[in-house]
């Protein structure tokens, strides 16, 4: 289990314990955290779970695969280094303390 900090665009923080094996997106969705729409349910077929990984976590999360990188082309105000689709980040103990921030809106 990992404690993940989700930060809404307005700065509101939510610290949630998320079970290993779930995705960062599922942790937000299952806890009704505003800022994640997850329209495709985690199939990497939309960009509505876009978030910015905190700078000190960029090198600690698994690398983006090509499909995720392609879907990020449709996300709102992406950052080439920090933007991720949270449906593609599986939670493990190694992600304890992860911080993600949501963009102003999802598209």
N, C-alpha and C. Protein backbone atom coordinates (compact mmCIF):
# COMPACT_ATOMS: atom_id res chain seq x y z
N UNK A 1 0.85 -1.17 0.00
CA UNK A 1 0.00 0.00 0.00
C UNK A 1 0.90 1.24 0.00
N UNK A 2 0.43 2.27 -0.70
CA UNK A 2 1.21 3.50 -0.80
C UNK A 2 0.31 4.69 -0.50
N UNK A 3 0.86 5.66 0.21
CA UNK A 3 0.16 6.93 0.42
C UNK A 3 0.48 7.82 -0.76
N UNK A 4 -0.56 8.27 -1.43
CA UNK A 4 -0.39 9.13 -2.60
C UNK A 4 -1.09 10.44 -2.32
N UNK A 5 -0.41 11.53 -2.64
CA UNK A 5 -1.00 12.85 -2.48
C UNK A 5 -1.49 13.32 -3.84
N UNK A 6 -2.79 13.58 -3.91
CA UNK A 6 -3.43 14.09 -5.10
C UNK A 6 -3.72 15.57 -4.84
N UNK A 7 -3.29 16.43 -5.75
CA UNK A 7 -3.51 17.86 -5.58
C UNK A 7 -4.39 18.36 -6.71
N UNK A 8 -5.54 18.90 -6.31
CA UNK A 8 -6.45 19.48 -7.29
C UNK A 8 -5.80 20.74 -7.88
N UNK A 9 -6.29 21.19 -9.01
CA UNK A 9 -5.76 22.38 -9.65
C UNK A 9 -5.81 23.60 -8.72
N UNK A 10 -6.81 23.65 -7.86
CA UNK A 10 -6.96 24.78 -6.94
C UNK A 10 -6.06 24.68 -5.70
N UNK A 11 -5.29 23.60 -5.60
CA UNK A 11 -4.35 23.42 -4.49
C UNK A 11 -4.85 22.53 -3.38
N UNK A 12 -6.10 22.11 -3.41
CA UNK A 12 -6.63 21.21 -2.38
C UNK A 12 -5.92 19.86 -2.46
N UNK A 13 -5.40 19.41 -1.33
CA UNK A 13 -4.67 18.13 -1.27
C UNK A 13 -5.54 17.03 -0.68
N UNK A 14 -5.36 15.83 -1.22
CA UNK A 14 -6.01 14.62 -0.72
C UNK A 14 -4.91 13.58 -0.56
N UNK A 15 -4.68 13.09 0.64
CA UNK A 15 -3.70 12.04 0.87
C UNK A 15 -4.47 10.75 1.08
N UNK A 16 -4.25 9.80 0.17
CA UNK A 16 -5.03 8.58 0.13
C UNK A 16 -4.09 7.37 0.15
N UNK A 17 -4.46 6.36 0.93
CA UNK A 17 -3.73 5.09 0.86
C UNK A 17 -4.35 4.26 -0.25
N UNK A 18 -3.50 3.85 -1.19
CA UNK A 18 -3.96 3.10 -2.36
C UNK A 18 -3.30 1.72 -2.34
N UNK A 19 -4.10 0.71 -2.52
CA UNK A 19 -3.60 -0.67 -2.48
C UNK A 19 -2.69 -0.97 -3.66
N UNK A 20 -1.66 -1.76 -3.40
CA UNK A 20 -0.78 -2.22 -4.47
C UNK A 20 -1.59 -2.95 -5.53
N UNK A 21 -1.21 -2.74 -6.78
CA UNK A 21 -1.88 -3.39 -7.90
C UNK A 21 -2.93 -2.51 -8.55
N UNK A 22 -3.47 -1.54 -7.80
CA UNK A 22 -4.37 -0.58 -8.41
C UNK A 22 -3.54 0.45 -9.15
N UNK A 23 -4.19 1.30 -9.90
CA UNK A 23 -3.47 2.38 -10.56
C UNK A 23 -3.69 3.67 -9.77
N UNK A 24 -2.85 4.65 -10.03
CA UNK A 24 -2.99 5.96 -9.41
C UNK A 24 -4.37 6.54 -9.77
N UNK A 25 -4.82 6.31 -10.99
CA UNK A 25 -6.15 6.76 -11.41
C UNK A 25 -7.24 6.10 -10.58
N UNK A 26 -7.16 4.81 -10.37
CA UNK A 26 -8.18 4.11 -9.59
C UNK A 26 -8.24 4.63 -8.16
N UNK A 27 -7.09 4.97 -7.60
CA UNK A 27 -7.07 5.55 -6.26
C UNK A 27 -7.85 6.84 -6.21
N UNK A 28 -7.69 7.69 -7.22
CA UNK A 28 -8.42 8.96 -7.27
C UNK A 28 -9.91 8.71 -7.52
N UNK A 29 -10.20 7.90 -8.51
CA UNK A 29 -11.60 7.63 -8.87
C UNK A 29 -12.37 6.98 -7.72
N UNK A 30 -11.77 5.99 -7.09
CA UNK A 30 -12.45 5.25 -6.03
C UNK A 30 -12.67 6.09 -4.77
N UNK A 31 -11.94 7.19 -4.66
CA UNK A 31 -12.07 8.07 -3.51
C UNK A 31 -12.72 9.41 -3.87
N UNK A 32 -13.34 9.45 -5.04
CA UNK A 32 -14.09 10.63 -5.50
C UNK A 32 -13.29 11.92 -5.43
N UNK A 33 -12.05 11.86 -5.85
CA UNK A 33 -11.21 13.05 -5.85
C UNK A 33 -11.48 13.83 -7.13
N UNK A 34 -11.87 15.09 -7.00
CA UNK A 34 -12.15 15.91 -8.18
C UNK A 34 -10.89 16.12 -9.02
N UNK A 35 -11.07 16.11 -10.33
CA UNK A 35 -9.96 16.38 -11.24
C UNK A 35 -9.60 15.22 -12.14
N UNK A 36 -10.12 14.06 -11.85
CA UNK A 36 -9.91 12.87 -12.68
C UNK A 36 -11.27 12.43 -13.20
N UNK A 37 -11.38 12.33 -14.52
CA UNK A 37 -12.64 11.85 -15.10
C UNK A 37 -12.58 10.37 -15.45
N UNK A 38 -11.45 9.92 -15.97
CA UNK A 38 -11.24 8.50 -16.29
C UNK A 38 -12.34 7.95 -17.20
N UNK A 39 -12.62 8.66 -18.27
CA UNK A 39 -13.70 8.28 -19.18
C UNK A 39 -13.56 6.87 -19.74
N UNK A 40 -12.35 6.43 -20.01
CA UNK A 40 -12.17 5.10 -20.63
C UNK A 40 -12.01 4.00 -19.59
N UNK A 41 -12.02 4.35 -18.32
CA UNK A 41 -11.93 3.35 -17.27
C UNK A 41 -10.55 2.77 -17.07
N UNK A 42 -9.55 3.35 -17.68
CA UNK A 42 -8.18 2.89 -17.46
C UNK A 42 -7.59 2.11 -18.62
N UNK A 43 -8.21 2.21 -19.80
CA UNK A 43 -7.75 1.46 -20.96
C UNK A 43 -6.71 2.20 -21.80
N UNK A 44 -6.27 3.35 -21.33
CA UNK A 44 -5.31 4.19 -22.08
C UNK A 44 -5.88 4.55 -23.45
N UNK A 45 -7.18 4.88 -23.44
CA UNK A 45 -7.87 5.23 -24.69
C UNK A 45 -8.41 6.66 -24.66
N UNK A 46 -8.02 7.41 -23.65
CA UNK A 46 -8.41 8.82 -23.56
C UNK A 46 -7.30 9.53 -22.77
N UNK A 47 -7.50 10.78 -22.47
CA UNK A 47 -6.48 11.50 -21.69
C UNK A 47 -7.09 12.15 -20.47
N UNK A 48 -8.23 11.64 -20.00
CA UNK A 48 -8.96 12.30 -18.91
C UNK A 48 -8.49 11.89 -17.51
N UNK A 49 -7.34 11.27 -17.42
CA UNK A 49 -6.73 11.01 -16.11
C UNK A 49 -5.33 11.61 -16.07
N UNK A 50 -5.12 12.62 -16.89
CA UNK A 50 -3.83 13.31 -16.97
C UNK A 50 -3.49 13.98 -15.64
N UNK A 51 -2.24 13.87 -15.24
CA UNK A 51 -1.74 14.56 -14.05
C UNK A 51 -0.26 14.86 -14.25
N UNK A 52 0.22 15.78 -13.44
CA UNK A 52 1.64 16.12 -13.42
C UNK A 52 2.28 15.44 -12.22
N UNK A 53 3.30 14.64 -12.48
CA UNK A 53 4.05 13.99 -11.41
C UNK A 53 4.99 15.03 -10.81
N UNK A 54 5.07 15.06 -9.48
CA UNK A 54 5.96 16.00 -8.80
C UNK A 54 7.39 15.81 -9.33
N UNK A 55 8.13 16.90 -9.49
CA UNK A 55 9.47 16.82 -10.08
C UNK A 55 10.39 15.76 -9.44
N UNK A 56 10.35 15.63 -8.12
CA UNK A 56 11.23 14.67 -7.46
C UNK A 56 10.78 13.22 -7.63
N UNK A 57 9.63 13.01 -8.26
CA UNK A 57 9.12 11.66 -8.51
C UNK A 57 9.25 11.23 -9.96
N UNK A 58 9.59 12.13 -10.84
CA UNK A 58 9.63 11.81 -12.28
C UNK A 58 10.49 10.58 -12.57
N UNK A 59 11.65 10.50 -11.99
CA UNK A 59 12.55 9.38 -12.24
C UNK A 59 12.22 8.13 -11.45
N UNK A 60 11.24 8.20 -10.57
CA UNK A 60 10.90 7.06 -9.71
C UNK A 60 9.69 6.27 -10.20
N UNK A 61 8.87 6.89 -11.05
CA UNK A 61 7.72 6.17 -11.59
C UNK A 61 8.16 5.42 -12.85
N UNK A 62 7.49 4.32 -13.18
CA UNK A 62 7.85 3.60 -14.40
C UNK A 62 7.78 4.51 -15.63
N UNK A 63 8.61 4.26 -16.59
CA UNK A 63 8.67 5.07 -17.81
C UNK A 63 7.38 4.94 -18.62
N UNK A 64 7.09 5.98 -19.38
CA UNK A 64 5.93 5.97 -20.27
C UNK A 64 6.17 4.99 -21.40
N UNK A 65 5.11 4.29 -21.77
CA UNK A 65 5.16 3.46 -22.97
C UNK A 65 4.63 4.30 -24.13
N UNK A 66 4.86 3.84 -25.34
CA UNK A 66 4.49 4.60 -26.54
C UNK A 66 3.00 4.96 -26.60
N UNK A 67 2.13 4.03 -26.22
CA UNK A 67 0.70 4.29 -26.30
C UNK A 67 0.31 5.44 -25.36
N UNK A 68 0.85 5.45 -24.16
CA UNK A 68 0.57 6.55 -23.23
C UNK A 68 1.09 7.86 -23.78
N UNK A 69 2.28 7.84 -24.31
CA UNK A 69 2.87 9.05 -24.89
C UNK A 69 1.99 9.59 -26.02
N UNK A 70 1.46 8.70 -26.85
CA UNK A 70 0.57 9.11 -27.94
C UNK A 70 -0.72 9.72 -27.40
N UNK A 71 -1.31 9.13 -26.35
CA UNK A 71 -2.56 9.65 -25.80
C UNK A 71 -2.36 11.01 -25.12
N UNK A 72 -1.18 11.25 -24.60
CA UNK A 72 -0.91 12.55 -23.96
C UNK A 72 -0.99 13.70 -24.96
N UNK A 73 -0.90 13.40 -26.26
CA UNK A 73 -1.06 14.44 -27.28
C UNK A 73 -2.45 15.09 -27.20
N UNK A 74 -3.41 14.40 -26.60
CA UNK A 74 -4.78 14.89 -26.51
C UNK A 74 -5.09 15.54 -25.16
N UNK A 75 -4.14 15.53 -24.25
CA UNK A 75 -4.36 16.07 -22.91
C UNK A 75 -4.18 17.59 -22.89
N UNK A 76 -4.71 18.22 -21.85
CA UNK A 76 -4.68 19.65 -21.68
C UNK A 76 -3.35 20.09 -21.07
N UNK A 77 -2.68 21.03 -21.73
CA UNK A 77 -1.44 21.65 -21.23
C UNK A 77 -0.46 20.63 -20.65
N UNK A 78 0.04 19.78 -21.51
CA UNK A 78 0.98 18.76 -21.06
C UNK A 78 2.37 19.35 -20.83
N UNK A 79 3.09 18.67 -19.99
CA UNK A 79 4.49 18.96 -19.71
C UNK A 79 5.27 17.76 -20.24
N UNK A 80 6.24 17.96 -21.12
CA UNK A 80 6.92 16.81 -21.73
C UNK A 80 7.62 15.89 -20.74
N UNK A 81 7.94 16.38 -19.57
CA UNK A 81 8.64 15.57 -18.57
C UNK A 81 7.69 15.05 -17.49
N UNK A 82 6.79 15.89 -17.01
CA UNK A 82 5.99 15.55 -15.83
C UNK A 82 4.61 14.98 -16.12
N UNK A 83 4.08 15.17 -17.32
CA UNK A 83 2.73 14.69 -17.62
C UNK A 83 2.69 13.17 -17.73
N UNK A 84 1.67 12.62 -17.07
CA UNK A 84 1.42 11.18 -17.14
C UNK A 84 -0.07 10.92 -17.16
N UNK A 85 -0.45 9.78 -17.72
CA UNK A 85 -1.80 9.28 -17.58
C UNK A 85 -1.78 8.39 -16.35
N UNK A 86 -2.56 8.76 -15.35
CA UNK A 86 -2.48 8.05 -14.08
C UNK A 86 -3.01 6.62 -14.16
N UNK A 87 -3.74 6.30 -15.23
CA UNK A 87 -4.20 4.92 -15.41
C UNK A 87 -3.05 3.99 -15.77
N UNK A 88 -1.92 4.56 -16.13
CA UNK A 88 -0.78 3.76 -16.56
C UNK A 88 0.30 3.62 -15.48
N UNK A 89 0.02 4.14 -14.29
CA UNK A 89 0.98 4.04 -13.19
C UNK A 89 0.41 3.09 -12.15
N UNK A 90 0.97 1.88 -12.08
CA UNK A 90 0.55 0.87 -11.10
C UNK A 90 1.16 1.20 -9.75
N UNK A 91 0.35 1.08 -8.72
CA UNK A 91 0.80 1.37 -7.37
C UNK A 91 1.59 0.18 -6.80
N UNK A 92 2.73 0.51 -6.22
CA UNK A 92 3.56 -0.45 -5.49
C UNK A 92 4.05 0.26 -4.23
N UNK A 93 4.66 -0.49 -3.33
CA UNK A 93 5.23 0.13 -2.13
C UNK A 93 6.24 1.20 -2.49
N UNK A 94 6.91 1.06 -3.62
CA UNK A 94 7.93 2.02 -4.04
C UNK A 94 7.34 3.39 -4.35
N UNK A 95 6.03 3.47 -4.53
CA UNK A 95 5.39 4.76 -4.83
C UNK A 95 4.85 5.44 -3.58
N UNK A 96 5.17 4.91 -2.40
CA UNK A 96 4.72 5.54 -1.16
C UNK A 96 5.27 6.96 -1.09
N UNK A 97 4.37 7.94 -1.00
CA UNK A 97 4.77 9.34 -0.96
C UNK A 97 4.62 10.07 -2.28
N UNK A 98 4.21 9.35 -3.34
CA UNK A 98 4.03 9.96 -4.65
C UNK A 98 3.09 11.16 -4.57
N UNK A 99 3.42 12.20 -5.32
CA UNK A 99 2.58 13.40 -5.39
C UNK A 99 2.25 13.66 -6.86
N UNK A 100 0.95 13.81 -7.14
CA UNK A 100 0.50 14.18 -8.49
C UNK A 100 -0.44 15.36 -8.38
N UNK A 101 -0.36 16.23 -9.39
CA UNK A 101 -1.22 17.41 -9.42
C UNK A 101 -2.03 17.38 -10.71
N UNK A 102 -3.29 17.76 -10.61
CA UNK A 102 -4.18 17.73 -11.76
C UNK A 102 -4.12 19.04 -12.53
N UNK A 103 -4.29 18.97 -13.85
CA UNK A 103 -4.36 20.19 -14.66
C UNK A 103 -5.68 20.93 -14.39
N UNK A 104 -5.79 22.09 -14.97
CA UNK A 104 -6.98 22.92 -14.79
C UNK A 104 -8.25 22.19 -15.24
N UNK A 105 -8.10 21.39 -16.31
CA UNK A 105 -9.25 20.62 -16.80
C UNK A 105 -8.75 19.39 -17.55
N UNK A 106 -9.63 18.45 -17.75
CA UNK A 106 -9.34 17.25 -18.52
C UNK A 106 -10.04 17.37 -19.86
N UNK A 107 -9.42 16.86 -20.92
CA UNK A 107 -10.05 16.87 -22.24
C UNK A 107 -9.97 15.49 -22.87
